[in-house]
Amino acid sequence: MLRNLVKDLLTHESIRTTEARAKETRRSAEKIITLGKDGSLHARRQALSFLNDKKVTAKVFDEIAPRYVGRKGGYTRIVKLAPRAGDGAPMAQIELLAQRE
């Protein structure tokens, strides 16, 4: 489940989920983006072994990671939303931060 959340976040750059899942997704997504900033073959293989998707891995290394070259961390933002209607679970939106100009 965590891998799928991270893949969806990196693909769509914003997802809605529960707060607890968003916090766990943040940890893994930031590690993958940091691997993307490294750019080595070993880092690419580590990211691919976690994501299991060549297209998403290529997007991380070619599009997402270059945005954050001057940034040491904190690539994502979690915004709290209204509770889910069905069971009242606290919801949140996790998104990648925009590129600095």
PDB file of N, CA and C in Angstrom:
ATOM      1  N   MET A   1       0.824  -1.183   0.000  1.00  0.00           N
ATOM      2  CA  MET A   1       0.000   0.000   0.000  1.00  0.00           C
ATOM      3  C   MET A   1       0.875   1.256   0.000  1.00  0.00           C
ATOM      4  N   LEU A   2       1.934   1.251   0.813  1.00  0.00           N
ATOM      5  CA  LEU A   2       2.807   2.420   0.892  1.00  0.00           C
ATOM      6  C   LEU A   2       3.490   2.689  -0.448  1.00  0.00           C
ATOM      7  N   ARG A   3       3.939   1.636  -1.103  1.00  0.00           N
ATOM      8  CA  ARG A   3       4.577   1.809  -2.419  1.00  0.00           C
ATOM      9  C   ARG A   3       3.604   2.443  -3.399  1.00  0.00           C
ATOM     10  N   ASN A   4       2.354   1.986  -3.388  1.00  0.00           N
ATOM     11  CA  ASN A   4       1.364   2.529  -4.304  1.00  0.00           C
ATOM     12  C   ASN A   4       1.079   3.993  -3.999  1.00  0.00           C
ATOM     13  N   LEU A   5       1.031   4.364  -2.731  1.00  0.00           N
ATOM     14  CA  LEU A   5       0.818   5.768  -2.373  1.00  0.00           C
ATOM     15  C   LEU A   5       1.983   6.634  -2.856  1.00  0.00           C
ATOM     16  N   VAL A   6       3.204   6.138  -2.666  1.00  0.00           N
ATOM     17  CA  VAL A   6       4.381   6.893  -3.105  1.00  0.00           C
ATOM     18  C   VAL A   6       4.383   7.021  -4.630  1.00  0.00           C
ATOM     19  N   LYS A   7       4.065   5.927  -5.334  1.00  0.00           N
ATOM     20  CA  LYS A   7       4.008   5.981  -6.802  1.00  0.00           C
ATOM     21  C   LYS A   7       2.951   6.981  -7.268  1.00  0.00           C
ATOM     22  N   ASP A   8       1.781   6.960  -6.633  1.00  0.00           N
ATOM     23  CA  ASP A   8       0.731   7.904  -7.015  1.00  0.00           C
ATOM     24  C   ASP A   8       1.137   9.340  -6.733  1.00  0.00           C
ATOM     25  N   LEU A   9       1.793   9.575  -5.605  1.00  0.00           N
ATOM     26  CA  LEU A   9       2.254  10.927  -5.279  1.00  0.00           C
ATOM     27  C   LEU A   9       3.258  11.415  -6.312  1.00  0.00           C
ATOM     28  N   LEU A  10       4.198  10.568  -6.678  1.00  0.00           N
ATOM     29  CA  LEU A  10       5.226  10.979  -7.633  1.00  0.00           C
ATOM     30  C   LEU A  10       4.660  11.112  -9.046  1.00  0.00           C
ATOM     31  N   THR A  11       3.630  10.357  -9.354  1.00  0.00           N
ATOM     32  CA  THR A  11       3.011  10.443 -10.675  1.00  0.00           C
ATOM     33  C   THR A  11       2.130  11.674 -10.795  1.00  0.00           C
ATOM     34  N   HIS A  12       1.235  11.869  -9.821  1.00  0.00           N
ATOM     35  CA  HIS A  12       0.245  12.941  -9.894  1.00  0.00           C
ATOM     36  C   HIS A  12       0.676  14.209  -9.152  1.00  0.00           C
ATOM     37  N   GLU A  13       1.698  14.097  -8.306  1.00  0.00           N
ATOM     38  CA  GLU A  13       2.269  15.191  -7.526  1.00  0.00           C
ATOM     39  C   GLU A  13       1.344  15.731  -6.447  1.00  0.00           C
ATOM     40  N   SER A  14       0.201  15.085  -6.234  1.00  0.00           N
ATOM     41  CA  SER A  14      -0.715  15.459  -5.161  1.00  0.00           C
ATOM     42  C   SER A  14      -1.736  14.340  -4.991  1.00  0.00           C
ATOM     43  N   ILE A  15      -1.951  13.891  -3.739  1.00  0.00           N
ATOM     44  CA  ILE A  15      -2.952  12.865  -3.473  1.00  0.00           C
ATOM     45  C   ILE A  15      -3.674  13.176  -2.171  1.00  0.00           C
ATOM     46  N   ARG A  16      -4.891  12.644  -2.039  1.00  0.00           N
ATOM     47  CA  ARG A  16      -5.669  12.758  -0.798  1.00  0.00           C
ATOM     48  C   ARG A  16      -5.681  11.403  -0.114  1.00  0.00           C
ATOM     49  N   THR A  17      -5.398  11.381   1.182  1.00  0.00           N
ATOM     50  CA  THR A  17      -5.385  10.147   1.952  1.00  0.00           C
ATOM     51  C   THR A  17      -5.573  10.511   3.430  1.00  0.00           C
ATOM     52  N   THR A  18      -5.521   9.528   4.310  1.00  0.00           N
ATOM     53  CA  THR A  18      -5.637   9.830   5.734  1.00  0.00           C
ATOM     54  C   THR A  18      -4.339  10.470   6.221  1.00  0.00           C
ATOM     55  N   GLU A  19      -4.404  11.161   7.347  1.00  0.00           N
ATOM     56  CA  GLU A  19      -3.212  11.841   7.875  1.00  0.00           C
ATOM     57  C   GLU A  19      -2.085  10.871   8.170  1.00  0.00           C
ATOM     58  N   ALA A  20      -2.399   9.740   8.776  1.00  0.00           N
ATOM     59  CA  ALA A  20      -1.357   8.770   9.135  1.00  0.00           C
ATOM     60  C   ALA A  20      -0.659   8.237   7.884  1.00  0.00           C
ATOM     61  N   ARG A  21      -1.437   7.924   6.869  1.00  0.00           N
ATOM     62  CA  ARG A  21      -0.842   7.430   5.621  1.00  0.00           C
ATOM     63  C   ARG A  21      -0.035   8.520   4.935  1.00  0.00           C
ATOM     64  N   ALA A  22      -0.485   9.756   5.010  1.00  0.00           N
ATOM     65  CA  ALA A  22       0.244  10.868   4.393  1.00  0.00           C
ATOM     66  C   ALA A  22       1.606  11.048   5.057  1.00  0.00           C
ATOM     67  N   LYS A  23       1.657  10.910   6.370  1.00  0.00           N
ATOM     68  CA  LYS A  23       2.928  11.071   7.081  1.00  0.00           C
ATOM     69  C   LYS A  23       3.917   9.971   6.717  1.00  0.00           C
ATOM     70  N   GLU A  24       3.431   8.746   6.582  1.00  0.00           N
ATOM     71  CA  GLU A  24       4.310   7.646   6.188  1.00  0.00           C
ATOM     72  C   GLU A  24       4.735   7.786   4.733  1.00  0.00           C
ATOM     73  N   THR A  25       3.828   8.245   3.893  1.00  0.00           N
ATOM     74  CA  THR A  25       4.144   8.450   2.480  1.00  0.00           C
ATOM     75  C   THR A  25       5.220   9.510   2.327  1.00  0.00           C
ATOM     76  N   ARG A  26       5.140  10.551   3.143  1.00  0.00           N
ATOM     77  CA  ARG A  26       6.133  11.631   3.096  1.00  0.00           C
ATOM     78  C   ARG A  26       7.535  11.086   3.321  1.00  0.00           C
ATOM     79  N   ARG A  27       7.702  10.217   4.323  1.00  0.00           N
ATOM     80  CA  ARG A  27       9.025   9.677   4.642  1.00  0.00           C
ATOM     81  C   ARG A  27       9.633   8.964   3.447  1.00  0.00           C
ATOM     82  N   SER A  28       8.855   8.076   2.840  1.00  0.00           N
ATOM     83  CA  SER A  28       9.369   7.290   1.724  1.00  0.00           C
ATOM     84  C   SER A  28       9.572   8.135   0.464  1.00  0.00           C
ATOM     85  N   ALA A  29       8.653   9.032   0.182  1.00  0.00           N
ATOM     86  CA  ALA A  29       8.760   9.856  -1.019  1.00  0.00           C
ATOM     87  C   ALA A  29       9.987  10.762  -0.957  1.00  0.00           C
ATOM     88  N   GLU A  30      10.258  11.314   0.207  1.00  0.00           N
ATOM     89  CA  GLU A  30      11.424  12.198   0.322  1.00  0.00           C
ATOM     90  C   GLU A  30      12.723  11.418   0.161  1.00  0.00           C
ATOM     91  N   LYS A  31      12.754  10.168   0.625  1.00  0.00           N
ATOM     92  CA  LYS A  31      13.948   9.346   0.417  1.00  0.00           C
ATOM     93  C   LYS A  31      14.159   9.057  -1.065  1.00  0.00           C
ATOM     94  N   ILE A  32      13.073   8.781  -1.780  1.00  0.00           N
ATOM     95  CA  ILE A  32      13.182   8.501  -3.207  1.00  0.00           C
ATOM     96  C   ILE A  32      13.646   9.742  -3.967  1.00  0.00           C
ATOM     97  N   ILE A  33      13.127  10.911  -3.608  1.00  0.00           N
ATOM     98  CA  ILE A  33      13.550  12.147  -4.277  1.00  0.00           C
ATOM     99  C   ILE A  33      15.017  12.433  -3.990  1.00  0.00           C
ATOM    100  N   THR A  34      15.466  12.146  -2.777  1.00  0.00           N
ATOM    101  CA  THR A  34      16.873  12.334  -2.437  1.00  0.00           C
ATOM    102  C   THR A  34      17.747  11.400  -3.274  1.00  0.00           C
ATOM    103  N   LEU A  35      17.289  10.171  -3.484  1.00  0.00           N
ATOM    104  CA  LEU A  35      18.023   9.265  -4.380  1.00  0.00           C
ATOM    105  C   LEU A  35      18.076   9.852  -5.787  1.00  0.00           C
ATOM    106  N   GLY A  36      16.971  10.461  -6.215  1.00  0.00           N
ATOM    107  CA  GLY A  36      16.930  11.081  -7.540  1.00  0.00           C
ATOM    108  C   GLY A  36      17.927  12.216  -7.674  1.00  0.00           C
ATOM    109  N   LYS A  37      18.129  12.958  -6.598  1.00  0.00           N
ATOM    110  CA  LYS A  37      19.105  14.048  -6.632  1.00  0.00           C
ATOM    111  C   LYS A  37      20.521  13.511  -6.760  1.00  0.00           C
ATOM    112  N   ASP A  38      20.786  12.333  -6.200  1.00  0.00           N
ATOM    113  CA  ASP A  38      22.103  11.709  -6.305  1.00  0.00           C
ATOM    114  C   ASP A  38      22.396  11.380  -7.764  1.00  0.00           C
ATOM    115  N   GLY A  39      21.436  10.759  -8.441  1.00  0.00           N
ATOM    116  CA  GLY A  39      21.555  10.541  -9.867  1.00  0.00           C
ATOM    117  C   GLY A  39      22.453   9.404 -10.305  1.00  0.00           C
ATOM    118  N   SER A  40      23.071   8.685  -9.395  1.00  0.00           N
ATOM    119  CA  SER A  40      23.965   7.601  -9.789  1.00  0.00           C
ATOM    120  C   SER A  40      23.165   6.367 -10.209  1.00  0.00           C
ATOM    121  N   LEU A  41      23.837   5.451 -10.847  1.00  0.00           N
ATOM    122  CA  LEU A  41      23.197   4.205 -11.264  1.00  0.00           C
ATOM    123  C   LEU A  41      22.716   3.415 -10.048  1.00  0.00           C
ATOM    124  N   HIS A  42      23.518   3.406  -9.000  1.00  0.00           N
ATOM    125  CA  HIS A  42      23.130   2.695  -7.785  1.00  0.00           C
ATOM    126  C   HIS A  42      21.865   3.303  -7.178  1.00  0.00           C
ATOM    127  N   ALA A  43      21.789   4.625  -7.135  1.00  0.00           N
ATOM    128  CA  ALA A  43      20.606   5.293  -6.600  1.00  0.00           C
ATOM    129  C   ALA A  43      19.382   4.992  -7.463  1.00  0.00           C
ATOM    130  N   ARG A  44      19.562   4.974  -8.782  1.00  0.00           N
ATOM    131  CA  ARG A  44      18.448   4.659  -9.688  1.00  0.00           C
ATOM    132  C   ARG A  44      17.944   3.240  -9.443  1.00  0.00           C
ATOM    133  N   ARG A  45      18.851   2.313  -9.242  1.00  0.00           N
ATOM    134  CA  ARG A  45      18.451   0.923  -8.988  1.00  0.00           C
ATOM    135  C   ARG A  45      17.764   0.785  -7.632  1.00  0.00           C
ATOM    136  N   GLN A  46      18.222   1.530  -6.628  1.00  0.00           N
ATOM    137  CA  GLN A  46      17.554   1.501  -5.325  1.00  0.00           C
ATOM    138  C   GLN A  46      16.132   2.038  -5.437  1.00  0.00           C
ATOM    139  N   ALA A  47      15.957   3.132  -6.161  1.00  0.00           N
ATOM    140  CA  ALA A  47      14.623   3.706  -6.347  1.00  0.00           C
ATOM    141  C   ALA A  47      13.732   2.750  -7.126  1.00  0.00           C
ATOM    142  N   LEU A  48      14.282   2.121  -8.156  1.00  0.00           N
ATOM    143  CA  LEU A  48      13.513   1.182  -8.965  1.00  0.00           C
ATOM    144  C   LEU A  48      13.106  -0.042  -8.144  1.00  0.00           C
ATOM    145  N   SER A  49      13.960  -0.474  -7.243  1.00  0.00           N
ATOM    146  CA  SER A  49      13.611  -1.638  -6.418  1.00  0.00           C
ATOM    147  C   SER A  49      12.472  -1.321  -5.463  1.00  0.00           C
ATOM    148  N   PHE A  50      12.347  -0.065  -5.047  1.00  0.00           N
ATOM    149  CA  PHE A  50      11.231   0.319  -4.173  1.00  0.00           C
ATOM    150  C   PHE A  50       9.964   0.568  -4.985  1.00  0.00           C
ATOM    151  N   LEU A  51      10.079   1.305  -6.085  1.00  0.00           N
ATOM    152  CA  LEU A  51       8.904   1.724  -6.840  1.00  0.00           C
ATOM    153  C   LEU A  51       8.361   0.643  -7.779  1.00  0.00           C
ATOM    154  N   ASN A  52       9.233  -0.226  -8.291  1.00  0.00           N
ATOM    155  CA  ASN A  52       8.831  -1.279  -9.235  1.00  0.00           C
ATOM    156  C   ASN A  52       8.132  -0.723 -10.472  1.00  0.00           C
ATOM    157  N   ASP A  53       8.532   0.456 -10.916  1.00  0.00           N
ATOM    158  CA  ASP A  53       7.914   1.071 -12.086  1.00  0.00           C
ATOM    159  C   ASP A  53       8.960   1.945 -12.781  1.00  0.00           C
ATOM    160  N   LYS A  54       9.353   1.552 -13.995  1.00  0.00           N
ATOM    161  CA  LYS A  54      10.409   2.273 -14.700  1.00  0.00           C
ATOM    162  C   LYS A  54       9.999   3.687 -15.082  1.00  0.00           C
ATOM    163  N   LYS A  55       8.718   3.884 -15.436  1.00  0.00           N
ATOM    164  CA  LYS A  55       8.263   5.213 -15.848  1.00  0.00           C
ATOM    165  C   LYS A  55       8.304   6.199 -14.687  1.00  0.00           C
ATOM    166  N   VAL A  56       7.848   5.768 -13.519  1.00  0.00           N
ATOM    167  CA  VAL A  56       7.851   6.654 -12.351  1.00  0.00           C
ATOM    168  C   VAL A  56       9.281   6.936 -11.918  1.00  0.00           C
ATOM    169  N   THR A  57      10.131   5.925 -11.956  1.00  0.00           N
ATOM    170  CA  THR A  57      11.543   6.124 -11.597  1.00  0.00           C
ATOM    171  C   THR A  57      12.201   7.120 -12.548  1.00  0.00           C
ATOM    172  N   ALA A  58      11.925   6.987 -13.833  1.00  0.00           N
ATOM    173  CA  ALA A  58      12.486   7.928 -14.806  1.00  0.00           C
ATOM    174  C   ALA A  58      11.972   9.336 -14.547  1.00  0.00           C
ATOM    175  N   LYS A  59      10.696   9.478 -14.192  1.00  0.00           N
ATOM    176  CA  LYS A  59      10.138  10.799 -13.900  1.00  0.00           C
ATOM    177  C   LYS A  59      10.826  11.420 -12.691  1.00  0.00           C
ATOM    178  N   VAL A  60      11.088  10.607 -11.663  1.00  0.00           N
ATOM    179  CA  VAL A  60      11.767  11.118 -10.463  1.00  0.00           C
ATOM    180  C   VAL A  60      13.145  11.648 -10.832  1.00  0.00           C
ATOM    181  N   PHE A  61      13.910  10.866 -11.591  1.00  0.00           N
ATOM    182  CA  PHE A  61      15.288  11.244 -11.892  1.00  0.00           C
ATOM    183  C   PHE A  61      15.385  12.346 -12.942  1.00  0.00           C
ATOM    184  N   ASP A  62      14.439  12.403 -13.892  1.00  0.00           N
ATOM    185  CA  ASP A  62      14.534  13.357 -14.994  1.00  0.00           C
ATOM    186  C   ASP A  62      13.768  14.654 -14.764  1.00  0.00           C
ATOM    187  N   GLU A  63      12.637  14.607 -14.032  1.00  0.00           N
ATOM    188  CA  GLU A  63      11.795  15.788 -13.871  1.00  0.00           C
ATOM    189  C   GLU A  63      11.726  16.304 -12.433  1.00  0.00           C
ATOM    190  N   ILE A  64      11.474  15.407 -11.484  1.00  0.00           N
ATOM    191  CA  ILE A  64      11.197  15.848 -10.109  1.00  0.00           C
ATOM    192  C   ILE A  64      12.469  16.243  -9.366  1.00  0.00           C
ATOM    193  N   ALA A  65      13.473  15.370  -9.354  1.00  0.00           N
ATOM    194  CA  ALA A  65      14.689  15.637  -8.577  1.00  0.00           C
ATOM    195  C   ALA A  65      15.426  16.904  -9.016  1.00  0.00           C
ATOM    196  N   PRO A  66      15.531  17.215 -10.319  1.00  0.00           N
ATOM    197  CA  PRO A  66      16.227  18.450 -10.701  1.00  0.00           C
ATOM    198  C   PRO A  66      15.577  19.727 -10.153  1.00  0.00           C
ATOM    199  N   ARG A  67      14.286  19.685  -9.828  1.00  0.00           N
ATOM    200  CA  ARG A  67      13.625  20.859  -9.237  1.00  0.00           C
ATOM    201  C   ARG A  67      14.205  21.229  -7.876  1.00  0.00           C
ATOM    202  N   TYR A  68      14.664  20.205  -7.152  1.00  0.00           N
ATOM    203  CA  TYR A  68      15.052  20.407  -5.756  1.00  0.00           C
ATOM    204  C   TYR A  68      16.557  20.338  -5.549  1.00  0.00           C
ATOM    205  N   VAL A  69      17.344  20.683  -6.557  1.00  0.00           N
ATOM    206  CA  VAL A  69      18.797  20.586  -6.450  1.00  0.00           C
ATOM    207  C   VAL A  69      19.334  21.473  -5.329  1.00  0.00           C
ATOM    208  N   GLY A  70      18.817  22.666  -5.166  1.00  0.00           N
ATOM    209  CA  GLY A  70      19.312  23.572  -4.145  1.00  0.00           C
ATOM    210  C   GLY A  70      18.650  23.398  -2.779  1.00  0.00           C
ATOM    211  N   ARG A  71      17.832  22.389  -2.638  1.00  0.00           N
ATOM    212  CA  ARG A  71      17.063  22.192  -1.406  1.00  0.00           C
ATOM    213  C   ARG A  71      17.574  20.944  -0.688  1.00  0.00           C
ATOM    214  N   LYS A  72      17.729  21.021   0.618  1.00  0.00           N
ATOM    215  CA  LYS A  72      18.287  19.912   1.379  1.00  0.00           C
ATOM    216  C   LYS A  72      17.243  18.931   1.884  1.00  0.00           C
ATOM    217  N   GLY A  73      15.995  19.240   1.754  1.00  0.00           N
ATOM    218  CA  GLY A  73      14.928  18.344   2.218  1.00  0.00           C
ATOM    219  C   GLY A  73      13.626  19.098   2.229  1.00  0.00           C
ATOM    220  N   GLY A  74      12.570  18.455   2.682  1.00  0.00           N
ATOM    221  CA  GLY A  74      11.273  19.109   2.747  1.00  0.00           C
ATOM    222  C   GLY A  74      10.679  19.315   1.372  1.00  0.00           C
ATOM    223  N   TYR A  75      10.550  18.231   0.614  1.00  0.00           N
ATOM    224  CA  TYR A  75      10.054  18.321  -0.751  1.00  0.00           C
ATOM    225  C   TYR A  75       8.530  18.225  -0.817  1.00  0.00           C
ATOM    226  N   THR A  76       7.894  17.877   0.299  1.00  0.00           N
ATOM    227  CA  THR A  76       6.445  17.671   0.304  1.00  0.00           C
ATOM    228  C   THR A  76       5.774  18.562   1.338  1.00  0.00           C
ATOM    229  N   ARG A  77       4.463  18.724   1.147  1.00  0.00           N
ATOM    230  CA  ARG A  77       3.644  19.496   2.089  1.00  0.00           C
ATOM    231  C   ARG A  77       2.409  18.661   2.399  1.00  0.00           C
ATOM    232  N   ILE A  78       2.028  18.619   3.669  1.00  0.00           N
ATOM    233  CA  ILE A  78       0.800  17.937   4.078  1.00  0.00           C
ATOM    234  C   ILE A  78      -0.184  18.995   4.545  1.00  0.00           C
ATOM    235  N   VAL A  79      -1.363  19.021   3.917  1.00  0.00           N
ATOM    236  CA  VAL A  79      -2.410  19.973   4.255  1.00  0.00           C
ATOM    237  C   VAL A  79      -3.581  19.181   4.835  1.00  0.00           C
ATOM    238  N   LYS A  80      -3.994  19.516   6.044  1.00  0.00           N
ATOM    239  CA  LYS A  80      -5.109  18.810   6.668  1.00  0.00           C
ATOM    240  C   LYS A  80      -6.426  19.234   6.029  1.00  0.00           C
ATOM    241  N   LEU A  81      -7.300  18.241   5.845  1.00  0.00           N
ATOM    242  CA  LEU A  81      -8.611  18.465   5.244  1.00  0.00           C
ATOM    243  C   LEU A  81      -9.701  18.095   6.245  1.00  0.00           C
ATOM    244  N   ALA A  82     -10.943  18.252   5.832  1.00  0.00           N
ATOM    245  CA  ALA A  82     -12.077  17.882   6.678  1.00  0.00           C
ATOM    246  C   ALA A  82     -12.100  16.365   6.866  1.00  0.00           C
ATOM    247  N   PRO A  83     -12.659  15.890   7.970  1.00  0.00           N
ATOM    248  CA  PRO A  83     -12.742  14.446   8.199  1.00  0.00           C
ATOM    249  C   PRO A  83     -13.558  13.747   7.106  1.00  0.00           C
ATOM    250  N   ARG A  84     -13.244  12.492   6.865  1.00  0.00           N
ATOM    251  CA  ARG A  84     -13.950  11.698   5.864  1.00  0.00           C
ATOM    252  C   ARG A  84     -15.391  11.489   6.309  1.00  0.00           C
ATOM    253  N   ALA A  85     -16.322  11.596   5.375  1.00  0.00           N
ATOM    254  CA  ALA A  85     -17.749  11.543   5.703  1.00  0.00           C
ATOM    255  C   ALA A  85     -18.166  10.185   6.265  1.00  0.00           C
ATOM    256  N   GLY A  86     -17.646   9.107   5.743  1.00  0.00           N
ATOM    257  CA  GLY A  86     -18.103   7.781   6.143  1.00  0.00           C
ATOM    258  C   GLY A  86     -17.764   7.403   7.565  1.00  0.00           C
ATOM    259  N   ASP A  87     -16.496   7.561   7.956  1.00  0.00           N
ATOM    260  CA  ASP A  87     -16.074   7.108   9.277  1.00  0.00           C
ATOM    261  C   ASP A  87     -15.403   8.180  10.125  1.00  0.00           C
ATOM    262  N   GLY A  88     -15.294   9.388   9.611  1.00  0.00           N
ATOM    263  CA  GLY A  88     -14.725  10.483  10.395  1.00  0.00           C
ATOM    264  C   GLY A  88     -13.211  10.451  10.503  1.00  0.00           C
ATOM    265  N   ALA A  89     -12.541   9.662   9.656  1.00  0.00           N
ATOM    266  CA  ALA A  89     -11.084   9.590   9.698  1.00  0.00           C
ATOM    267  C   ALA A  89     -10.485  10.935   9.275  1.00  0.00           C
ATOM    268  N   PRO A  90      -9.452  11.388   9.971  1.00  0.00           N
ATOM    269  CA  PRO A  90      -8.820  12.661   9.595  1.00  0.00           C
ATOM    270  C   PRO A  90      -8.128  12.523   8.238  1.00  0.00           C
ATOM    271  N   MET A  91      -8.467  13.413   7.319  1.00  0.00           N
ATOM    272  CA  MET A  91      -7.938  13.360   5.962  1.00  0.00           C
ATOM    273  C   MET A  91      -6.884  14.448   5.750  1.00  0.00           C
ATOM    274  N   ALA A  92      -6.020  14.206   4.772  1.00  0.00           N
ATOM    275  CA  ALA A  92      -4.974  15.168   4.449  1.00  0.00           C
ATOM    276  C   ALA A  92      -4.653  15.057   2.968  1.00  0.00           C
ATOM    277  N   GLN A  93      -4.107  16.138   2.444  1.00  0.00           N
ATOM    278  CA  GLN A  93      -3.621  16.143   1.070  1.00  0.00           C
ATOM    279  C   GLN A  93      -2.112  16.305   1.138  1.00  0.00           C
ATOM    280  N   ILE A  94      -1.397  15.405   0.493  1.00  0.00           N
ATOM    281  CA  ILE A  94       0.055  15.502   0.436  1.00  0.00           C
ATOM    282  C   ILE A  94       0.424  15.875  -0.993  1.00  0.00           C
ATOM    283  N   GLU A  95       1.318  16.850  -1.127  1.00  0.00           N
ATOM    284  CA  GLU A  95       1.675  17.346  -2.460  1.00  0.00           C
ATOM    285  C   GLU A  95       3.148  17.691  -2.500  1.00  0.00           C
ATOM    286  N   LEU A  96       3.722  17.609  -3.685  1.00  0.00           N
ATOM    287  CA  LEU A  96       5.100  18.036  -3.881  1.00  0.00           C
ATOM    288  C   LEU A  96       5.121  19.553  -3.949  1.00  0.00           C
ATOM    289  N   LEU A  97       6.128  20.154  -3.365  1.00  0.00           N
ATOM    290  CA  LEU A  97       6.236  21.609  -3.393  1.00  0.00           C
ATOM    291  C   LEU A  97       6.580  22.081  -4.792  1.00  0.00           C
ATOM    292  N   ALA A  98       6.134  23.259  -5.118  1.00  0.00           N
ATOM    293  CA  ALA A  98       6.399  23.840  -6.430  1.00  0.00           C
ATOM    294  C   ALA A  98       7.865  24.222  -6.533  1.00  0.00           C
ATOM    295  N   GLN A  99       8.305  24.320  -7.747  1.00  0.00           N
ATOM    296  CA  GLN A  99       9.684  24.695  -8.028  1.00  0.00           C
ATOM    297  C   GLN A  99       9.910  26.155  -7.656  1.00  0.00           C
ATOM    298  N   ARG A 100      11.037  26.433  -7.019  1.00  0.00           N
ATOM    299  CA  ARG A 100      11.373  27.818  -6.693  1.00  0.00           C
ATOM    300  C   ARG A 100      11.881  28.524  -7.928  1.00  0.00           C
ATOM    301  N   GLU A 101      11.511  29.765  -8.053  1.00  0.00           N
ATOM    302  CA  GLU A 101      11.932  30.574  -9.217  1.00  0.00           C
ATOM    303  C   GLU A 101      13.245  31.237  -8.926  1.00  0.00           C
TER     304      GLU A 101
END
